[in-house]
Amino acid sequence: MERPVTYKFKTPTLTIDITGNIPNWCTYRIPYAKAEQISIQEGTVICQFHSHVLYFMEVIEIDLHTDLAASYLVENTSLFLYLMIKGGMSFLTPEGKPIANAPEGVCYATYNKSGEYVLHLPKGKYLICYLCPRPLWILRNLDRYPRLRPFMESMDNSDDLFDHMPACLIDSDMKDNLKQLLEDKETKGVDLESLLSGDAKILIDDYQRLLDVKFAQRAYRIKDFLENNFADASLDNTALARMFNVSEKTMIDDFKDQLGNTPYHYLIQVRMVHAKRMLTMDKMHVKDVYIKVGYRDLHSFQVQYKKSMGNPPSDDDKG
């Protein structure tokens, strides 16, 4: 795979190839990776990266003596598994709209569609790793990664330029498996690329496992229920609270704290994503779609679709 991102700095840069000559202050020395040192006014950036037939991987260590605001370009829609091992950073759109805050010690899956994105890093030291798998590779292994299924569908069908899954704390098993991936070496009788693909799968397995733990929480059980039952026209906050044996206020507060939205507004988002898919991909007509996404009347669906998507559903009717 080609490198999915191109970095842009506001100050002059000097980039040199340091493959096989990693500075002593770096945490990892990946034996099979290429490496470069980027010297900028704010400090030093060390990138070690490897292009595998199934994914692109990069480990970035940064030492800043002053705050850094930079940007990166994504040429094609890309899926990432980010591991924020040391330090914390913020991702934004060029207009300043927050994308994600990544505190130290977390991992999360995200996608970015083609465009420019901004990152902010305060003075300090950082260690970041990302895995950018081919989407088709993940799609072929969704039985192994079922938590990624709705996220992959959103990446394909949503007009959003970016989205991310829940952040999970990196545990000791995941740290050990990352270390193994970064220290792999080709030995007699063992193909390096096969070894790397196996260890990369294990790292994604770790995120799936951590998601399973997180999704066992009530807010995520409600989220799963909404994704599987979005066509039920009787669903609202009151009905959900009764189903999950919790007060409506507690349910809304908990869901909003975990997922940044109310259950009902999340349900609307899910319905609209499916409606757009039915119209544009499945080539269904508007008159056939609204019932299938949980609306009792066409007018209510049309109003909500235009509010959510910015255009009436008739504009997307490809049937």
Protein backbone atom coordinates (compact mmCIF):
# COMPACT_ATOMS: atom_id res chain seq x y z
CA MET A 1 0.00 0.00 0.00
CA GLU A 2 1.01 3.60 -0.55
CA ARG A 3 1.39 5.99 2.36
CA PRO A 4 -2.14 7.26 3.06
CA VAL A 5 -1.17 10.67 4.46
CA THR A 6 1.10 13.56 3.51
CA TYR A 7 2.25 15.88 6.29
CA LYS A 8 2.29 19.66 5.93
CA PHE A 9 4.15 21.95 8.34
CA LYS A 10 3.88 25.73 8.59
CA THR A 11 7.61 26.21 9.13
CA PRO A 12 10.50 25.11 6.86
CA THR A 13 11.39 21.43 7.06
CA LEU A 14 14.45 19.31 6.42
CA THR A 15 13.72 15.65 5.72
CA ILE A 16 16.49 13.04 5.61
CA ASP A 17 16.49 9.27 5.20
CA ILE A 18 17.63 7.62 8.45
CA THR A 19 16.74 4.01 7.62
CA GLY A 20 18.92 1.80 9.83
CA ASN A 21 20.12 4.78 11.85
CA ILE A 22 17.32 5.54 14.32
CA PRO A 23 18.20 8.04 17.11
CA ASN A 24 18.85 6.58 20.55
CA TRP A 25 15.95 8.48 22.10
CA CYS A 26 13.39 6.59 19.99
CA THR A 27 11.39 3.82 21.67
CA TYR A 28 11.30 1.43 18.72
CA ARG A 29 13.73 0.41 15.99
CA ILE A 30 11.65 -1.48 13.47
CA PRO A 31 14.01 -3.81 11.58
CA TYR A 32 11.97 -4.01 8.37
CA ALA A 33 10.81 -0.35 8.19
CA LYS A 34 12.03 2.63 6.24
CA ALA A 35 12.69 5.72 8.35
CA GLU A 36 12.96 9.46 7.97
CA GLN A 37 13.76 12.38 10.23
CA ILE A 38 11.84 15.61 9.74
CA SER A 39 13.46 18.63 11.37
CA ILE A 40 11.06 21.53 11.91
CA GLN A 41 11.22 24.78 13.82
CA GLU A 42 9.12 23.30 16.63
CA GLY A 43 11.23 20.16 17.11
CA THR A 44 11.96 16.77 15.53
CA VAL A 45 9.71 14.12 13.99
CA ILE A 46 10.90 10.54 13.44
CA CYS A 47 8.76 8.39 11.13
CA GLN A 48 9.24 4.66 10.68
CA PHE A 49 6.92 3.11 8.12
CA HIS A 50 6.26 -0.07 6.19
CA SER A 51 4.13 -0.76 3.14
CA HIS A 52 2.52 -4.21 3.28
CA VAL A 53 0.30 -5.59 0.55
CA LEU A 54 -2.64 -5.55 3.03
CA TYR A 55 -1.92 -2.43 5.07
CA PHE A 56 0.34 0.54 5.65
CA MET A 57 1.86 1.00 9.10
CA GLU A 58 3.65 3.99 10.57
CA VAL A 59 5.20 4.72 13.96
CA ILE A 60 5.82 8.39 14.69
CA GLU A 61 7.89 9.78 17.56
CA ILE A 62 7.86 13.53 18.10
CA ASP A 63 9.97 15.72 20.37
CA LEU A 64 8.66 19.30 20.50
CA HIS A 65 10.19 22.24 22.33
CA THR A 66 7.19 24.42 21.43
CA ASP A 67 3.55 23.85 20.45
CA LEU A 68 2.90 22.49 16.96
CA ALA A 69 -0.02 23.13 14.62
CA ALA A 70 0.28 21.16 11.39
CA SER A 71 -1.94 19.49 8.83
CA TYR A 72 -2.07 16.29 6.86
CA LEU A 73 -3.58 15.44 3.50
CA VAL A 74 -5.55 12.26 2.87
CA GLU A 75 -5.68 11.52 -0.86
CA ASN A 76 -8.12 8.61 -0.78
CA THR A 77 -10.70 7.45 1.77
CA SER A 78 -8.69 5.61 4.40
CA LEU A 79 -9.42 3.50 7.47
CA PHE A 80 -7.07 3.82 10.44
CA LEU A 81 -6.46 2.06 13.72
CA TYR A 82 -4.74 4.70 15.86
CA LEU A 83 -2.73 3.94 18.99
CA MET A 84 -1.85 7.04 21.03
CA ILE A 85 0.92 5.48 23.09
CA LYS A 86 2.50 8.61 24.57
CA GLY A 87 1.16 12.17 24.77
CA GLY A 88 -2.21 13.43 23.60
CA MET A 89 -3.32 15.30 20.51
CA SER A 90 -6.36 16.89 18.86
CA PHE A 91 -7.58 16.46 15.29
CA LEU A 92 -9.67 19.16 13.60
CA THR A 93 -10.97 20.24 10.21
CA PRO A 94 -9.30 23.29 8.60
CA GLU A 95 -12.33 25.28 9.78
CA GLY A 96 -11.59 24.28 13.38
CA LYS A 97 -14.36 21.70 13.80
CA PRO A 98 -13.21 19.00 16.25
CA ILE A 99 -12.75 15.52 14.81
CA ALA A 100 -11.28 13.68 17.78
CA ASN A 101 -9.26 14.18 20.93
CA ALA A 102 -6.78 11.38 21.48
CA PRO A 103 -5.50 11.25 25.07
CA GLU A 104 -2.50 9.18 26.06
CA GLY A 105 -2.96 5.42 26.23
CA VAL A 106 -5.98 4.96 23.96
CA CYS A 107 -6.69 3.29 20.64
CA TYR A 108 -9.57 3.82 18.26
CA ALA A 109 -10.64 3.18 14.67
CA THR A 110 -11.36 6.13 12.42
CA TYR A 111 -11.81 6.94 8.78
CA ASN A 112 -10.96 10.06 6.82
CA LYS A 113 -12.20 10.78 3.35
CA SER A 114 -10.12 12.74 0.85
CA GLY A 115 -9.20 16.16 2.23
CA GLU A 116 -6.98 18.18 4.53
CA TYR A 117 -7.08 17.81 8.31
CA VAL A 118 -5.39 19.68 11.16
CA LEU A 119 -3.61 18.41 14.26
CA HIS A 120 -2.55 20.27 17.39
CA LEU A 121 0.23 19.08 19.71
CA PRO A 122 1.43 20.98 22.79
CA LYS A 123 5.13 21.05 23.64
CA GLY A 124 6.31 17.60 24.74
CA LYS A 125 7.09 14.08 23.54
CA TYR A 126 4.75 11.83 21.58
CA LEU A 127 4.60 8.27 20.35
CA ILE A 128 1.90 7.37 17.84
CA CYS A 129 1.27 4.27 15.78
CA TYR A 130 -1.32 3.80 13.07
CA LEU A 131 -2.34 0.86 10.97
CA CYS A 132 -4.12 1.65 7.70
CA PRO A 133 -5.62 -1.61 6.38
CA ARG A 134 -7.10 -2.05 2.94
CA PRO A 135 -10.88 -1.72 3.43
CA LEU A 136 -11.45 -4.84 1.32
CA TRP A 137 -9.24 -6.83 3.70
CA ILE A 138 -11.42 -5.81 6.65
CA LEU A 139 -14.65 -6.38 4.70
CA ARG A 140 -13.55 -9.93 3.94
CA ASN A 141 -12.91 -10.53 7.64
CA LEU A 142 -16.02 -8.97 9.19
CA ASP A 143 -16.94 -12.27 10.81
CA ARG A 144 -13.70 -11.86 12.73
CA TYR A 145 -14.35 -8.15 13.40
CA PRO A 146 -18.16 -7.84 13.76
CA ARG A 147 -17.91 -4.59 15.74
CA LEU A 148 -16.47 -2.92 12.63
CA ARG A 149 -19.40 -3.87 10.36
CA PRO A 150 -21.65 -0.79 10.91
CA PHE A 151 -18.60 1.46 10.87
CA MET A 152 -17.49 0.10 7.49
CA GLU A 153 -21.02 0.57 6.15
CA SER A 154 -20.96 4.17 7.35
CA MET A 155 -17.61 4.77 5.66
CA ASP A 156 -19.07 3.58 2.35
CA ASN A 157 -22.49 5.23 2.54
CA SER A 158 -22.15 8.38 4.64
CA ASP A 159 -21.37 11.82 3.26
CA ASP A 160 -19.39 12.61 6.41
CA LEU A 161 -15.71 13.35 5.76
CA PHE A 162 -14.68 11.55 8.93
CA ASP A 163 -15.94 9.42 11.78
CA HIS A 164 -14.43 7.39 14.58
CA MET A 165 -15.32 4.48 16.81
CA PRO A 166 -15.08 4.52 20.61
CA ALA A 167 -11.65 5.00 22.14
CA CYS A 168 -10.46 2.12 24.33
CA LEU A 169 -7.62 2.01 26.82
CA ILE A 170 -4.61 0.13 25.47
CA ASP A 171 -4.05 -2.81 27.80
CA SER A 172 -0.91 -4.85 28.45
CA ASP A 173 -1.86 -7.56 25.92
CA MET A 174 -2.24 -5.00 23.16
CA LYS A 175 1.07 -3.38 24.10
CA ASP A 176 2.79 -6.78 23.93
CA ASN A 177 1.22 -7.59 20.57
CA LEU A 178 2.22 -4.20 19.15
CA LYS A 179 5.78 -4.77 20.36
CA GLN A 180 5.79 -8.16 18.63
CA LEU A 181 4.58 -6.62 15.36
CA LEU A 182 7.27 -3.94 15.49
CA GLU A 183 10.06 -6.41 16.29
CA ASP A 184 9.23 -9.09 13.70
CA LYS A 185 12.18 -10.34 11.66
CA GLU A 186 12.44 -12.64 8.69
CA THR A 187 14.04 -15.93 9.61
CA LYS A 188 14.82 -19.05 7.64
CA GLY A 189 11.60 -20.77 6.65
CA VAL A 190 9.39 -17.87 7.80
CA ASP A 191 8.08 -15.31 5.30
CA LEU A 192 8.16 -11.81 6.82
CA GLU A 193 5.06 -10.51 5.01
CA SER A 194 3.00 -13.49 6.18
CA LEU A 195 4.29 -13.00 9.72
CA LEU A 196 3.41 -9.30 9.63
CA SER A 197 -0.10 -9.86 8.30
CA GLY A 198 -0.77 -12.37 11.08
CA ASP A 199 0.48 -10.02 13.79
CA ALA A 200 -1.46 -7.09 12.31
CA LYS A 201 -4.64 -9.18 12.51
CA ILE A 202 -3.89 -9.88 16.17
CA LEU A 203 -3.60 -6.13 16.83
CA ILE A 204 -7.00 -5.54 15.23
CA ASP A 205 -8.30 -8.51 17.28
CA ASP A 206 -7.18 -6.63 20.38
CA TYR A 207 -9.26 -3.60 19.44
CA GLN A 208 -12.25 -5.86 18.75
CA ARG A 209 -11.77 -7.44 22.20
CA LEU A 210 -11.56 -4.05 23.91
CA LEU A 211 -14.68 -2.93 22.07
CA ASP A 212 -16.54 -6.02 23.30
CA VAL A 213 -15.79 -4.99 26.88
CA LYS A 214 -16.84 -1.40 26.25
CA PHE A 215 -19.97 -2.34 24.32
CA ALA A 216 -21.14 -4.48 27.23
CA GLN A 217 -21.95 -1.18 28.96
CA ARG A 218 -25.61 -0.14 28.80
CA ALA A 219 -25.11 2.84 26.47
CA TYR A 220 -23.48 0.61 23.89
CA ARG A 221 -26.10 -2.10 24.30
CA ILE A 222 -28.71 0.54 23.50
CA LYS A 223 -26.62 1.67 20.52
CA ASP A 224 -26.47 -1.91 19.22
CA PHE A 225 -30.22 -2.28 19.70
CA LEU A 226 -30.91 0.90 17.70
CA GLU A 227 -28.64 -0.20 14.86
CA ASN A 228 -30.46 -3.54 14.64
CA ASN A 229 -34.00 -2.20 15.11
CA PHE A 230 -33.99 1.19 13.37
CA ALA A 231 -37.03 0.20 11.27
CA ASP A 232 -39.27 -0.03 14.36
CA ALA A 233 -41.51 3.05 14.17
CA SER A 234 -42.48 2.78 17.85
CA LEU A 235 -38.97 3.54 19.13
CA ASP A 236 -38.42 6.71 21.13
CA ASN A 237 -36.58 7.60 24.34
CA THR A 238 -39.52 6.57 26.53
CA ALA A 239 -39.82 3.14 24.90
CA LEU A 240 -36.06 2.57 25.10
CA ALA A 241 -35.92 3.48 28.79
CA ARG A 242 -38.68 0.98 29.50
CA MET A 243 -36.92 -1.77 27.50
CA PHE A 244 -33.63 -1.27 29.32
CA ASN A 245 -35.21 -0.84 32.76
CA VAL A 246 -33.76 2.61 33.44
CA SER A 247 -35.19 6.08 33.92
CA GLU A 248 -35.37 8.17 30.76
CA LYS A 249 -33.16 10.90 32.22
CA THR A 250 -30.47 8.45 33.38
CA MET A 251 -30.52 6.71 30.01
CA ILE A 252 -30.17 9.96 28.06
CA ASP A 253 -27.44 11.33 30.33
CA ASP A 254 -25.47 8.07 30.22
CA PHE A 255 -25.81 7.71 26.44
CA LYS A 256 -24.82 11.32 25.85
CA ASP A 257 -21.82 11.01 28.17
CA GLN A 258 -20.57 7.89 26.38
CA LEU A 259 -21.52 8.72 22.78
CA GLY A 260 -22.08 12.46 22.63
CA ASN A 261 -25.71 12.25 21.54
CA THR A 262 -29.15 11.26 22.79
CA PRO A 263 -30.49 7.81 21.89
CA TYR A 264 -33.27 9.25 19.75
CA HIS A 265 -30.99 11.57 17.79
CA TYR A 266 -28.61 8.67 17.24
CA LEU A 267 -31.55 6.62 15.95
CA ILE A 268 -32.32 9.38 13.44
CA GLN A 269 -28.72 9.33 12.23
CA VAL A 270 -28.85 5.57 11.72
CA ARG A 271 -32.15 5.81 9.86
CA MET A 272 -30.83 8.51 7.53
CA VAL A 273 -27.68 6.55 6.67
CA HIS A 274 -29.79 3.52 5.76
CA ALA A 275 -32.27 5.67 3.84
CA LYS A 276 -29.50 7.18 1.73
CA ARG A 277 -28.08 3.73 1.03
CA MET A 278 -31.50 2.42 -0.04
CA LEU A 279 -32.02 5.39 -2.36
CA THR A 280 -28.57 5.64 -3.91
CA MET A 281 -27.18 2.10 -3.74
CA ASP A 282 -30.26 -0.14 -3.69
CA LYS A 283 -32.07 2.22 -6.12
CA MET A 284 -35.32 2.13 -4.18
CA HIS A 285 -37.98 4.83 -4.52
CA VAL A 286 -38.73 7.34 -1.74
CA LYS A 287 -42.27 5.98 -1.37
CA ASP A 288 -40.81 2.55 -0.55
CA VAL A 289 -37.99 3.71 1.70
CA TYR A 290 -39.65 5.70 4.46
CA ILE A 291 -41.50 2.72 5.95
CA LYS A 292 -38.34 0.60 5.91
CA VAL A 293 -36.47 3.13 8.06
CA GLY A 294 -39.09 3.55 10.77
CA TYR A 295 -41.35 6.38 9.57
CA ARG A 296 -45.13 6.13 9.58
CA ASP A 297 -45.72 8.88 7.03
CA LEU A 298 -43.85 10.17 3.99
CA HIS A 299 -43.93 13.85 4.95
CA SER A 300 -42.13 13.35 8.29
CA PHE A 301 -39.46 11.32 6.51
CA GLN A 302 -38.98 13.97 3.82
CA VAL A 303 -38.61 16.75 6.40
CA GLN A 304 -36.06 14.79 8.45
CA TYR A 305 -34.08 13.64 5.40
CA LYS A 306 -33.69 17.19 4.10
CA LYS A 307 -32.71 18.40 7.57
CA SER A 308 -30.09 15.66 7.95
CA MET A 309 -28.74 15.40 4.40
CA GLY A 310 -29.19 18.95 3.13
CA ASN A 311 -31.37 17.95 0.19
CA PRO A 312 -34.80 16.33 -0.27
CA PRO A 313 -34.83 12.54 -0.67
CA SER A 314 -36.18 12.91 -4.21
CA ASP A 315 -32.75 14.26 -5.24
CA ASP A 316 -31.19 10.93 -4.22
CA ASP A 317 -33.94 8.75 -5.69
CA LYS A 318 -32.02 6.62 -8.21
CA GLY A 319 -34.77 4.08 -8.74
